């Protein structure tokens, strides 16, 4: 097994934690949307997850935990997805896009 630095372990733990928190948020959105969730394509769901991960990086953990993701309606999901042009793993959204997504999420409170 190769030597792994503490920094590498820390980075990996950070990524795993972020992925888990976003996974929970997506499940809450799915539950809140009910049957409307089925109208989303797999690529859109993956993009939504990527955009949420990028946004998670900028939100305080307590603030993230207070976002009522089950209240995200399809209009907001579509708005968030509209910011995803050109975004994919390795191609993150611009900081201004992340700010707009954060505004959408924090407006749910």
PDB file of N, CA and C in Angstrom:
ATOM      1  N   UNK A   1       0.848  -1.175   0.000  1.00  0.00           N
ATOM      2  CA  UNK A   1       0.000   0.000   0.000  1.00  0.00           C
ATOM      3  C   UNK A   1       0.896   1.241   0.000  1.00  0.00           C
ATOM      4  N   UNK A   2       0.629   2.151  -0.900  1.00  0.00           N
ATOM      5  CA  UNK A   2       1.496   3.338  -0.982  1.00  0.00           C
ATOM      6  C   UNK A   2       1.331   4.240   0.241  1.00  0.00           C
ATOM      7  N   UNK A   3       2.389   5.001   0.484  1.00  0.00           N
ATOM      8  CA  UNK A   3       2.325   5.967   1.573  1.00  0.00           C
ATOM      9  C   UNK A   3       1.325   7.062   1.214  1.00  0.00           C
ATOM     10  N   UNK A   4       0.490   7.385   2.164  1.00  0.00           N
ATOM     11  CA  UNK A   4      -0.514   8.425   1.968  1.00  0.00           C
ATOM     12  C   UNK A   4      -0.285   9.488   3.033  1.00  0.00           C
ATOM     13  N   UNK A   5      -0.182  10.732   2.593  1.00  0.00           N
ATOM     14  CA  UNK A   5       0.058  11.803   3.546  1.00  0.00           C
ATOM     15  C   UNK A   5      -1.239  12.135   4.296  1.00  0.00           C
ATOM     16  N   UNK A   6      -1.073  12.761   5.417  1.00  0.00           N
ATOM     17  CA  UNK A   6      -2.235  13.201   6.206  1.00  0.00           C
ATOM     18  C   UNK A   6      -3.092  14.176   5.403  1.00  0.00           C
ATOM     19  N   UNK A   7      -2.440  15.021   4.617  1.00  0.00           N
ATOM     20  CA  UNK A   7      -3.175  15.985   3.801  1.00  0.00           C
ATOM     21  C   UNK A   7      -4.050  15.263   2.782  1.00  0.00           C
ATOM     22  N   UNK A   8      -3.524  14.201   2.179  1.00  0.00           N
ATOM     23  CA  UNK A   8      -4.298  13.434   1.205  1.00  0.00           C
ATOM     24  C   UNK A   8      -5.489  12.761   1.876  1.00  0.00           C
ATOM     25  N   UNK A   9      -5.276  12.215   3.047  1.00  0.00           N
ATOM     26  CA  UNK A   9      -6.368  11.582   3.795  1.00  0.00           C
ATOM     27  C   UNK A   9      -7.421  12.631   4.156  1.00  0.00           C
ATOM     28  N   UNK A  10      -6.960  13.792   4.584  1.00  0.00           N
ATOM     29  CA  UNK A  10      -7.883  14.873   4.935  1.00  0.00           C
ATOM     30  C   UNK A  10      -8.712  15.327   3.746  1.00  0.00           C
ATOM     31  N   UNK A  11      -8.067  15.462   2.594  1.00  0.00           N
ATOM     32  CA  UNK A  11      -8.787  15.858   1.368  1.00  0.00           C
ATOM     33  C   UNK A  11      -9.830  14.813   0.999  1.00  0.00           C
ATOM     34  N   UNK A  12      -9.461  13.560   1.090  1.00  0.00           N
ATOM     35  CA  UNK A  12     -10.397  12.487   0.726  1.00  0.00           C
ATOM     36  C   UNK A  12     -11.578  12.455   1.699  1.00  0.00           C
ATOM     37  N   UNK A  13     -11.316  12.621   2.964  1.00  0.00           N
ATOM     38  CA  UNK A  13     -12.402  12.654   3.948  1.00  0.00           C
ATOM     39  C   UNK A  13     -13.340  13.828   3.688  1.00  0.00           C
ATOM     40  N   UNK A  14     -12.777  14.959   3.317  1.00  0.00           N
ATOM     41  CA  UNK A  14     -13.575  16.137   2.988  1.00  0.00           C
ATOM     42  C   UNK A  14     -14.497  15.827   1.814  1.00  0.00           C
ATOM     43  N   UNK A  15     -13.956  15.199   0.770  1.00  0.00           N
ATOM     44  CA  UNK A  15     -14.748  14.872  -0.417  1.00  0.00           C
ATOM     45  C   UNK A  15     -15.847  13.855  -0.090  1.00  0.00           C
ATOM     46  N   UNK A  16     -15.519  12.867   0.705  1.00  0.00           N
ATOM     47  CA  UNK A  16     -16.521  11.860   1.084  1.00  0.00           C
ATOM     48  C   UNK A  16     -17.634  12.516   1.895  1.00  0.00           C
ATOM     49  N   UNK A  17     -17.270  13.362   2.831  1.00  0.00           N
ATOM     50  CA  UNK A  17     -18.269  14.056   3.652  1.00  0.00           C
ATOM     51  C   UNK A  17     -19.165  14.925   2.760  1.00  0.00           C
ATOM     52  N   UNK A  18     -18.571  15.662   1.843  1.00  0.00           N
ATOM     53  CA  UNK A  18     -19.340  16.507   0.925  1.00  0.00           C
ATOM     54  C   UNK A  18     -20.295  15.664   0.091  1.00  0.00           C
ATOM     55  N   UNK A  19     -19.810  14.558  -0.460  1.00  0.00           N
ATOM     56  CA  UNK A  19     -20.654  13.690  -1.279  1.00  0.00           C
ATOM     57  C   UNK A  19     -21.834  13.151  -0.478  1.00  0.00           C
ATOM     58  N   UNK A  20     -21.601  12.753   0.746  1.00  0.00           N
ATOM     59  CA  UNK A  20     -22.675  12.224   1.593  1.00  0.00           C
ATOM     60  C   UNK A  20     -23.710  13.298   1.915  1.00  0.00           C
ATOM     61  N   UNK A  21     -23.254  14.494   2.235  1.00  0.00           N
ATOM     62  CA  UNK A  21     -24.189  15.580   2.572  1.00  0.00           C
ATOM     63  C   UNK A  21     -25.052  15.954   1.371  1.00  0.00           C
ATOM     64  N   UNK A  22     -24.444  15.966   0.189  1.00  0.00           N
ATOM     65  CA  UNK A  22     -25.186  16.280  -1.028  1.00  0.00           C
ATOM     66  C   UNK A  22     -26.127  15.127  -1.379  1.00  0.00           C
ATOM     67  N   UNK A  23     -25.699  13.908  -1.156  1.00  0.00           N
ATOM     68  CA  UNK A  23     -26.562  12.749  -1.409  1.00  0.00           C
ATOM     69  C   UNK A  23     -27.834  12.835  -0.565  1.00  0.00           C
ATOM     70  N   UNK A  24     -27.684  13.211   0.691  1.00  0.00           N
ATOM     71  CA  UNK A  24     -28.850  13.383   1.572  1.00  0.00           C
ATOM     72  C   UNK A  24     -29.745  14.506   1.053  1.00  0.00           C
ATOM     73  N   UNK A  25     -29.143  15.609   0.623  1.00  0.00           N
ATOM     74  CA  UNK A  25     -29.916  16.735   0.093  1.00  0.00           C
ATOM     75  C   UNK A  25     -30.704  16.313  -1.149  1.00  0.00           C
ATOM     76  N   UNK A  26     -30.067  15.548  -2.019  1.00  0.00           N
ATOM     77  CA  UNK A  26     -30.747  15.099  -3.249  1.00  0.00           C
ATOM     78  C   UNK A  26     -31.918  14.180  -2.899  1.00  0.00           C
ATOM     79  N   UNK A  27     -31.725  13.319  -1.937  1.00  0.00           N
ATOM     80  CA  UNK A  27     -32.827  12.427  -1.518  1.00  0.00           C
ATOM     81  C   UNK A  27     -33.988  13.234  -0.955  1.00  0.00           C
ATOM     82  N   UNK A  28     -33.677  14.286  -0.215  1.00  0.00           N
ATOM     83  CA  UNK A  28     -34.730  15.148   0.319  1.00  0.00           C
ATOM     84  C   UNK A  28     -35.461  15.878  -0.807  1.00  0.00           C
ATOM     85  N   UNK A  29     -34.712  16.355  -1.797  1.00  0.00           N
ATOM     86  CA  UNK A  29     -35.335  17.014  -2.951  1.00  0.00           C
ATOM     87  C   UNK A  29     -36.227  16.018  -3.687  1.00  0.00           C
ATOM     88  N   UNK A  30     -35.725  14.820  -3.895  1.00  0.00           N
ATOM     89  CA  UNK A  30     -36.493  13.779  -4.572  1.00  0.00           C
ATOM     90  C   UNK A  30     -37.795  13.499  -3.827  1.00  0.00           C
ATOM     91  N   UNK A  31     -37.699  13.368  -2.532  1.00  0.00           N
ATOM     92  CA  UNK A  31     -38.893  13.114  -1.714  1.00  0.00           C
ATOM     93  C   UNK A  31     -39.871  14.276  -1.823  1.00  0.00           C
ATOM     94  N   UNK A  32     -39.363  15.488  -1.761  1.00  0.00           N
ATOM     95  CA  UNK A  32     -40.215  16.671  -1.835  1.00  0.00           C
ATOM     96  C   UNK A  32     -40.903  16.833  -3.184  1.00  0.00           C
ATOM     97  N   UNK A  33     -40.214  16.450  -4.247  1.00  0.00           N
ATOM     98  CA  UNK A  33     -40.787  16.581  -5.586  1.00  0.00           C
ATOM     99  C   UNK A  33     -41.791  15.474  -5.901  1.00  0.00           C
ATOM    100  N   UNK A  34     -41.649  14.344  -5.226  1.00  0.00           N
ATOM    101  CA  UNK A  34     -42.562  13.238  -5.470  1.00  0.00           C
ATOM    102  C   UNK A  34     -42.473  12.763  -6.920  1.00  0.00           C
ATOM    103  N   UNK A  35     -43.627  12.539  -7.556  1.00  0.00           N
ATOM    104  CA  UNK A  35     -43.640  12.021  -8.931  1.00  0.00           C
ATOM    105  C   UNK A  35     -42.944  12.937  -9.942  1.00  0.00           C
ATOM    106  N   UNK A  36     -42.877  14.218  -9.670  1.00  0.00           N
ATOM    107  CA  UNK A  36     -42.217  15.147 -10.594  1.00  0.00           C
ATOM    108  C   UNK A  36     -40.740  14.804 -10.760  1.00  0.00           C
ATOM    109  N   UNK A  37     -40.138  14.149  -9.767  1.00  0.00           N
ATOM    110  CA  UNK A  37     -38.732  13.756  -9.837  1.00  0.00           C
ATOM    111  C   UNK A  37     -38.475  12.894 -11.076  1.00  0.00           C
ATOM    112  N   UNK A  38     -39.448  12.083 -11.440  1.00  0.00           N
ATOM    113  CA  UNK A  38     -39.302  11.172 -12.579  1.00  0.00           C
ATOM    114  C   UNK A  38     -39.115  11.899 -13.909  1.00  0.00           C
ATOM    115  N   UNK A  39     -39.443  13.184 -13.950  1.00  0.00           N
ATOM    116  CA  UNK A  39     -39.282  13.942 -15.196  1.00  0.00           C
ATOM    117  C   UNK A  39     -37.833  14.355 -15.429  1.00  0.00           C
ATOM    118  N   UNK A  40     -36.997  14.221 -14.415  1.00  0.00           N
ATOM    119  CA  UNK A  40     -35.583  14.580 -14.556  1.00  0.00           C
ATOM    120  C   UNK A  40     -34.808  13.443 -15.208  1.00  0.00           C
ATOM    121  N   UNK A  41     -33.938  13.787 -16.118  1.00  0.00           N
ATOM    122  CA  UNK A  41     -33.072  12.811 -16.767  1.00  0.00           C
ATOM    123  C   UNK A  41     -31.899  12.501 -15.839  1.00  0.00           C
ATOM    124  N   UNK A  42     -31.298  11.357 -16.042  1.00  0.00           N
ATOM    125  CA  UNK A  42     -30.160  10.956 -15.213  1.00  0.00           C
ATOM    126  C   UNK A  42     -29.034  11.994 -15.267  1.00  0.00           C
ATOM    127  N   UNK A  43     -28.797  12.556 -16.469  1.00  0.00           N
ATOM    128  CA  UNK A  43     -27.736  13.565 -16.607  1.00  0.00           C
ATOM    129  C   UNK A  43     -28.056  14.812 -15.782  1.00  0.00           C
ATOM    130  N   UNK A  44     -29.340  15.153 -15.716  1.00  0.00           N
ATOM    131  CA  UNK A  44     -29.745  16.323 -14.934  1.00  0.00           C
ATOM    132  C   UNK A  44     -29.548  16.075 -13.442  1.00  0.00           C
ATOM    133  N   UNK A  45     -29.835  14.862 -13.007  1.00  0.00           N
ATOM    134  CA  UNK A  45     -29.651  14.516 -11.590  1.00  0.00           C
ATOM    135  C   UNK A  45     -28.164  14.557 -11.237  1.00  0.00           C
ATOM    136  N   UNK A  46     -27.331  14.037 -12.116  1.00  0.00           N
ATOM    137  CA  UNK A  46     -25.878  14.091 -11.884  1.00  0.00           C
ATOM    138  C   UNK A  46     -25.370  15.527 -11.863  1.00  0.00           C
ATOM    139  N   UNK A  47     -25.880  16.340 -12.787  1.00  0.00           N
ATOM    140  CA  UNK A  47     -25.494  17.752 -12.830  1.00  0.00           C
ATOM    141  C   UNK A  47     -25.954  18.467 -11.567  1.00  0.00           C
ATOM    142  N   UNK A  48     -27.169  18.192 -11.123  1.00  0.00           N
ATOM    143  CA  UNK A  48     -27.681  18.793  -9.891  1.00  0.00           C
ATOM    144  C   UNK A  48     -26.757  18.448  -8.726  1.00  0.00           C
ATOM    145  N   UNK A  49     -26.352  17.194  -8.636  1.00  0.00           N
ATOM    146  CA  UNK A  49     -25.436  16.790  -7.574  1.00  0.00           C
ATOM    147  C   UNK A  49     -24.112  17.528  -7.649  1.00  0.00           C
ATOM    148  N   UNK A  50     -23.576  17.670  -8.837  1.00  0.00           N
ATOM    149  CA  UNK A  50     -22.297  18.373  -9.000  1.00  0.00           C
ATOM    150  C   UNK A  50     -22.427  19.848  -8.606  1.00  0.00           C
ATOM    151  N   UNK A  51     -23.505  20.481  -9.049  1.00  0.00           N
ATOM    152  CA  UNK A  51     -23.724  21.889  -8.696  1.00  0.00           C
ATOM    153  C   UNK A  51     -23.906  22.062  -7.195  1.00  0.00           C
ATOM    154  N   UNK A  52     -24.608  21.124  -6.573  1.00  0.00           N
ATOM    155  CA  UNK A  52     -24.799  21.206  -5.120  1.00  0.00           C
ATOM    156  C   UNK A  52     -23.487  20.990  -4.386  1.00  0.00           C
ATOM    157  N   UNK A  53     -22.646  20.085  -4.882  1.00  0.00           N
ATOM    158  CA  UNK A  53     -21.342  19.886  -4.242  1.00  0.00           C
ATOM    159  C   UNK A  53     -20.500  21.154  -4.314  1.00  0.00           C
ATOM    160  N   UNK A  54     -20.500  21.794  -5.463  1.00  0.00           N
ATOM    161  CA  UNK A  54     -19.734  23.036  -5.610  1.00  0.00           C
ATOM    162  C   UNK A  54     -20.279  24.122  -4.681  1.00  0.00           C
ATOM    163  N   UNK A  55     -21.579  24.119  -4.485  1.00  0.00           N
ATOM    164  CA  UNK A  55     -22.206  25.107  -3.602  1.00  0.00           C
ATOM    165  C   UNK A  55     -21.942  24.757  -2.144  1.00  0.00           C
ATOM    166  N   UNK A  56     -21.964  23.481  -1.805  1.00  0.00           N
ATOM    167  CA  UNK A  56     -21.699  23.025  -0.439  1.00  0.00           C
ATOM    168  C   UNK A  56     -20.357  23.566   0.051  1.00  0.00           C
ATOM    169  N   UNK A  57     -19.401  23.641  -0.857  1.00  0.00           N
ATOM    170  CA  UNK A  57     -18.066  24.138  -0.490  1.00  0.00           C
ATOM    171  C   UNK A  57     -18.098  25.562   0.063  1.00  0.00           C
ATOM    172  N   UNK A  58     -19.152  26.318  -0.241  1.00  0.00           N
ATOM    173  CA  UNK A  58     -19.192  27.735   0.123  1.00  0.00           C
ATOM    174  C   UNK A  58     -20.173  28.049   1.250  1.00  0.00           C
ATOM    175  N   UNK A  59     -20.848  27.039   1.752  1.00  0.00           N
ATOM    176  CA  UNK A  59     -21.877  27.261   2.772  1.00  0.00           C
ATOM    177  C   UNK A  59     -21.418  26.678   4.102  1.00  0.00           C
ATOM    178  N   UNK A  60     -21.595  27.441   5.150  1.00  0.00           N
ATOM    179  CA  UNK A  60     -21.298  26.968   6.494  1.00  0.00           C
ATOM    180  C   UNK A  60     -22.126  25.718   6.779  1.00  0.00           C
ATOM    181  N   UNK A  61     -21.530  24.759   7.455  1.00  0.00           N
ATOM    182  CA  UNK A  61     -22.194  23.475   7.722  1.00  0.00           C
ATOM    183  C   UNK A  61     -23.532  23.635   8.436  1.00  0.00           C
ATOM    184  N   UNK A  62     -23.590  24.506   9.422  1.00  0.00           N
ATOM    185  CA  UNK A  62     -24.855  24.720  10.137  1.00  0.00           C
ATOM    186  C   UNK A  62     -25.907  25.318   9.210  1.00  0.00           C
ATOM    187  N   UNK A  63     -25.475  26.231   8.340  1.00  0.00           N
ATOM    188  CA  UNK A  63     -26.404  26.828   7.390  1.00  0.00           C
ATOM    189  C   UNK A  63     -26.913  25.765   6.413  1.00  0.00           C
ATOM    190  N   UNK A  64     -26.003  24.917   5.914  1.00  0.00           N
ATOM    191  CA  UNK A  64     -26.393  23.838   5.002  1.00  0.00           C
ATOM    192  C   UNK A  64     -27.422  22.930   5.669  1.00  0.00           C
ATOM    193  N   UNK A  65     -27.145  22.554   6.913  1.00  0.00           N
ATOM    194  CA  UNK A  65     -28.058  21.656   7.640  1.00  0.00           C
ATOM    195  C   UNK A  65     -29.432  22.282   7.850  1.00  0.00           C
ATOM    196  N   UNK A  66     -29.516  23.610   7.819  1.00  0.00           N
ATOM    197  CA  UNK A  66     -30.786  24.295   8.024  1.00  0.00           C
ATOM    198  C   UNK A  66     -31.598  24.503   6.747  1.00  0.00           C
ATOM    199  N   UNK A  67     -31.028  24.150   5.608  1.00  0.00           N
ATOM    200  CA  UNK A  67     -31.750  24.332   4.342  1.00  0.00           C
ATOM    201  C   UNK A  67     -32.806  23.236   4.211  1.00  0.00           C
ATOM    202  N   UNK A  68     -34.065  23.618   4.024  1.00  0.00           N
ATOM    203  CA  UNK A  68     -35.137  22.611   3.895  1.00  0.00           C
ATOM    204  C   UNK A  68     -35.210  22.081   2.447  1.00  0.00           C
ATOM    205  N   UNK A  69     -34.315  21.168   2.112  1.00  0.00           N
ATOM    206  CA  UNK A  69     -34.223  20.681   0.737  1.00  0.00           C
ATOM    207  C   UNK A  69     -35.521  20.051   0.238  1.00  0.00           C
ATOM    208  N   UNK A  70     -36.330  19.524   1.126  1.00  0.00           N
ATOM    209  CA  UNK A  70     -37.602  18.930   0.712  1.00  0.00           C
ATOM    210  C   UNK A  70     -38.564  19.983   0.151  1.00  0.00           C
ATOM    211  N   UNK A  71     -38.277  21.254   0.385  1.00  0.00           N
ATOM    212  CA  UNK A  71     -39.114  22.340  -0.140  1.00  0.00           C
ATOM    213  C   UNK A  71     -38.668  22.841  -1.513  1.00  0.00           C
ATOM    214  N   UNK A  72     -37.604  22.274  -2.038  1.00  0.00           N
ATOM    215  CA  UNK A  72     -37.137  22.683  -3.363  1.00  0.00           C
ATOM    216  C   UNK A  72     -38.156  22.185  -4.385  1.00  0.00           C
ATOM    217  N   UNK A  73     -38.771  23.114  -5.093  1.00  0.00           N
ATOM    218  CA  UNK A  73     -39.759  22.729  -6.107  1.00  0.00           C
ATOM    219  C   UNK A  73     -39.076  22.588  -7.467  1.00  0.00           C
ATOM    220  N   UNK A  74     -39.837  22.086  -8.432  1.00  0.00           N
ATOM    221  CA  UNK A  74     -39.261  21.841  -9.756  1.00  0.00           C
ATOM    222  C   UNK A  74     -38.784  23.130 -10.416  1.00  0.00           C
ATOM    223  N   UNK A  75     -39.459  24.224 -10.149  1.00  0.00           N
ATOM    224  CA  UNK A  75     -39.021  25.508 -10.714  1.00  0.00           C
ATOM    225  C   UNK A  75     -37.606  25.848 -10.236  1.00  0.00           C
ATOM    226  N   UNK A  76     -37.356  25.641  -8.960  1.00  0.00           N
ATOM    227  CA  UNK A  76     -36.007  25.927  -8.426  1.00  0.00           C
ATOM    228  C   UNK A  76     -34.979  24.926  -8.948  1.00  0.00           C
ATOM    229  N   UNK A  77     -35.377  23.657  -9.057  1.00  0.00           N
ATOM    230  CA  UNK A  77     -34.457  22.660  -9.613  1.00  0.00           C
ATOM    231  C   UNK A  77     -34.062  23.067 -11.032  1.00  0.00           C
ATOM    232  N   UNK A  78     -35.037  23.445 -11.831  1.00  0.00           N
ATOM    233  CA  UNK A  78     -34.757  23.853 -13.217  1.00  0.00           C
ATOM    234  C   UNK A  78     -33.868  25.108 -13.246  1.00  0.00           C
ATOM    235  N   UNK A  79     -34.102  26.022 -12.311  1.00  0.00           N
ATOM    236  CA  UNK A  79     -33.285  27.244 -12.234  1.00  0.00           C
ATOM    237  C   UNK A  79     -31.833  26.874 -11.906  1.00  0.00           C
ATOM    238  N   UNK A  80     -31.650  25.985 -10.940  1.00  0.00           N
ATOM    239  CA  UNK A  80     -30.303  25.547 -10.577  1.00  0.00           C
ATOM    240  C   UNK A  80     -29.645  24.870 -11.780  1.00  0.00           C
ATOM    241  N   UNK A  81     -30.383  23.991 -12.449  1.00  0.00           N
ATOM    242  CA  UNK A  81     -29.838  23.289 -13.605  1.00  0.00           C
ATOM    243  C   UNK A  81     -29.488  24.243 -14.745  1.00  0.00           C
ATOM    244  N   UNK A  82     -30.207  25.354 -14.829  1.00  0.00           N
ATOM    245  CA  UNK A  82     -29.931  26.321 -15.899  1.00  0.00           C
ATOM    246  C   UNK A  82     -28.534  26.926 -15.760  1.00  0.00           C
ATOM    247  N   UNK A  83     -27.966  26.855 -14.576  1.00  0.00           N
ATOM    248  CA  UNK A  83     -26.617  27.377 -14.350  1.00  0.00           C
ATOM    249  C   UNK A  83     -25.536  26.346 -14.696  1.00  0.00           C
ATOM    250  N   UNK A  84     -25.944  25.179 -15.173  1.00  0.00           N
ATOM    251  CA  UNK A  84     -24.992  24.095 -15.369  1.00  0.00           C
ATOM    252  C   UNK A  84     -24.366  23.968 -16.736  1.00  0.00           C
ATOM    253  N   UNK A  85     -24.595  24.925 -17.609  1.00  0.00           N
ATOM    254  CA  UNK A  85     -24.017  24.825 -18.948  1.00  0.00           C
ATOM    255  C   UNK A  85     -22.493  24.799 -18.868  1.00  0.00           C
ATOM    256  N   UNK A  86     -21.923  23.782 -19.472  1.00  0.00           N
ATOM    257  CA  UNK A  86     -20.470  23.643 -19.493  1.00  0.00           C
ATOM    258  C   UNK A  86     -19.876  23.080 -18.216  1.00  0.00           C
ATOM    259  N   UNK A  87     -20.737  22.734 -17.260  1.00  0.00           N
ATOM    260  CA  UNK A  87     -20.267  22.213 -15.972  1.00  0.00           C
ATOM    261  C   UNK A  87     -20.267  20.684 -16.030  1.00  0.00           C
ATOM    262  N   UNK A  88     -19.193  20.097 -15.553  1.00  0.00           N
ATOM    263  CA  UNK A  88     -19.066  18.649 -15.466  1.00  0.00           C
ATOM    264  C   UNK A  88     -17.930  18.362 -14.486  1.00  0.00           C
ATOM    265  N   UNK A  89     -17.764  17.108 -14.106  1.00  0.00           N
ATOM    266  CA  UNK A  89     -16.617  16.828 -13.241  1.00  0.00           C
ATOM    267  C   UNK A  89     -15.324  17.336 -13.885  1.00  0.00           C
ATOM    268  N   UNK A  90     -14.604  18.119 -13.146  1.00  0.00           N
ATOM    269  CA  UNK A  90     -13.384  18.737 -13.655  1.00  0.00           C
ATOM    270  C   UNK A  90     -13.612  20.114 -14.257  1.00  0.00           C
ATOM    271  N   UNK A  91     -14.868  20.467 -14.481  1.00  0.00           N
ATOM    272  CA  UNK A  91     -15.224  21.786 -15.008  1.00  0.00           C
ATOM    273  C   UNK A  91     -16.293  22.382 -14.097  1.00  0.00           C
ATOM    274  N   UNK A  92     -15.856  23.034 -13.071  1.00  0.00           N
ATOM    275  CA  UNK A  92     -16.771  23.587 -12.076  1.00  0.00           C
ATOM    276  C   UNK A  92     -17.388  24.897 -12.547  1.00  0.00           C
ATOM    277  N   UNK A  93     -18.526  25.248 -11.962  1.00  0.00           N
ATOM    278  CA  UNK A  93     -19.159  26.518 -12.333  1.00  0.00           C
ATOM    279  C   UNK A  93     -18.344  27.703 -11.827  1.00  0.00           C
ATOM    280  N   UNK A  94     -18.572  28.839 -12.452  1.00  0.00           N
ATOM    281  CA  UNK A  94     -17.932  30.074 -12.002  1.00  0.00           C
ATOM    282  C   UNK A  94     -18.433  30.424 -10.607  1.00  0.00           C
ATOM    283  N   UNK A  95     -17.639  31.166  -9.881  1.00  0.00           N
ATOM    284  CA  UNK A  95     -18.014  31.549  -8.517  1.00  0.00           C
ATOM    285  C   UNK A  95     -19.339  32.315  -8.488  1.00  0.00           C
ATOM    286  N   UNK A  96     -19.593  33.145  -9.489  1.00  0.00           N
ATOM    287  CA  UNK A  96     -20.851  33.899  -9.549  1.00  0.00           C
ATOM    288  C   UNK A  96     -22.055  32.960  -9.662  1.00  0.00           C
ATOM    289  N   UNK A  97     -21.889  31.852 -10.366  1.00  0.00           N
ATOM    290  CA  UNK A  97     -22.957  30.852 -10.490  1.00  0.00           C
ATOM    291  C   UNK A  97     -23.225  30.206  -9.139  1.00  0.00           C
ATOM    292  N   UNK A  98     -22.155  29.863  -8.443  1.00  0.00           N
ATOM    293  CA  UNK A  98     -22.296  29.251  -7.119  1.00  0.00           C
ATOM    294  C   UNK A  98     -23.029  30.203  -6.175  1.00  0.00           C
ATOM    295  N   UNK A  99     -22.724  31.476  -6.256  1.00  0.00           N
ATOM    296  CA  UNK A  99     -23.397  32.482  -5.427  1.00  0.00           C
ATOM    297  C   UNK A  99     -24.898  32.487  -5.727  1.00  0.00           C
ATOM    298  N   UNK A 100     -25.271  32.390  -6.996  1.00  0.00           N
ATOM    299  CA  UNK A 100     -26.689  32.386  -7.376  1.00  0.00           C
ATOM    300  C   UNK A 100     -27.402  31.128  -6.865  1.00  0.00           C
ATOM    301  N   UNK A 101     -26.744  29.991  -6.958  1.00  0.00           N
ATOM    302  CA  UNK A 101     -27.340  28.745  -6.453  1.00  0.00           C
ATOM    303  C   UNK A 101     -27.497  28.830  -4.940  1.00  0.00           C
ATOM    304  N   UNK A 102     -26.496  29.396  -4.282  1.00  0.00           N
ATOM    305  CA  UNK A 102     -26.572  29.555  -2.831  1.00  0.00           C
ATOM    306  C   UNK A 102     -27.761  30.441  -2.467  1.00  0.00           C
ATOM    307  N   UNK A 103     -28.004  31.495  -3.231  1.00  0.00           N
ATOM    308  CA  UNK A 103     -29.155  32.376  -2.975  1.00  0.00           C
ATOM    309  C   UNK A 103     -30.462  31.601  -3.103  1.00  0.00           C
ATOM    310  N   UNK A 104     -30.553  30.752  -4.123  1.00  0.00           N
ATOM    311  CA  UNK A 104     -31.771  29.947  -4.309  1.00  0.00           C
ATOM    312  C   UNK A 104     -31.991  29.055  -3.085  1.00  0.00           C
ATOM    313  N   UNK A 105     -30.952  28.385  -2.653  1.00  0.00           N
ATOM    314  CA  UNK A 105     -31.085  27.453  -1.536  1.00  0.00           C
ATOM    315  C   UNK A 105     -31.383  28.163  -0.218  1.00  0.00           C
ATOM    316  N   UNK A 106     -30.702  29.261   0.028  1.00  0.00           N
ATOM    317  CA  UNK A 106     -30.898  29.954   1.310  1.00  0.00           C
ATOM    318  C   UNK A 106     -32.210  30.728   1.346  1.00  0.00           C
ATOM    319  N   UNK A 107     -32.823  30.948   0.192  1.00  0.00           N
ATOM    320  CA  UNK A 107     -34.124  31.630   0.173  1.00  0.00           C
ATOM    321  C   UNK A 107     -35.259  30.710   0.616  1.00  0.00           C
ATOM    322  N   UNK A 108     -34.980  29.444   0.781  1.00  0.00           N
ATOM    323  CA  UNK A 108     -36.003  28.475   1.170  1.00  0.00           C
ATOM    324  C   UNK A 108     -36.343  28.540   2.653  1.00  0.00           C
ATOM    325  N   UNK A 109     -35.532  29.184   3.422  1.00  0.00           N
ATOM    326  CA  UNK A 109     -35.732  29.224   4.878  1.00  0.00           C
ATOM    327  C   UNK A 109     -36.943  30.017   5.267  1.00  0.00           C
TER     328      UNK A 109
END
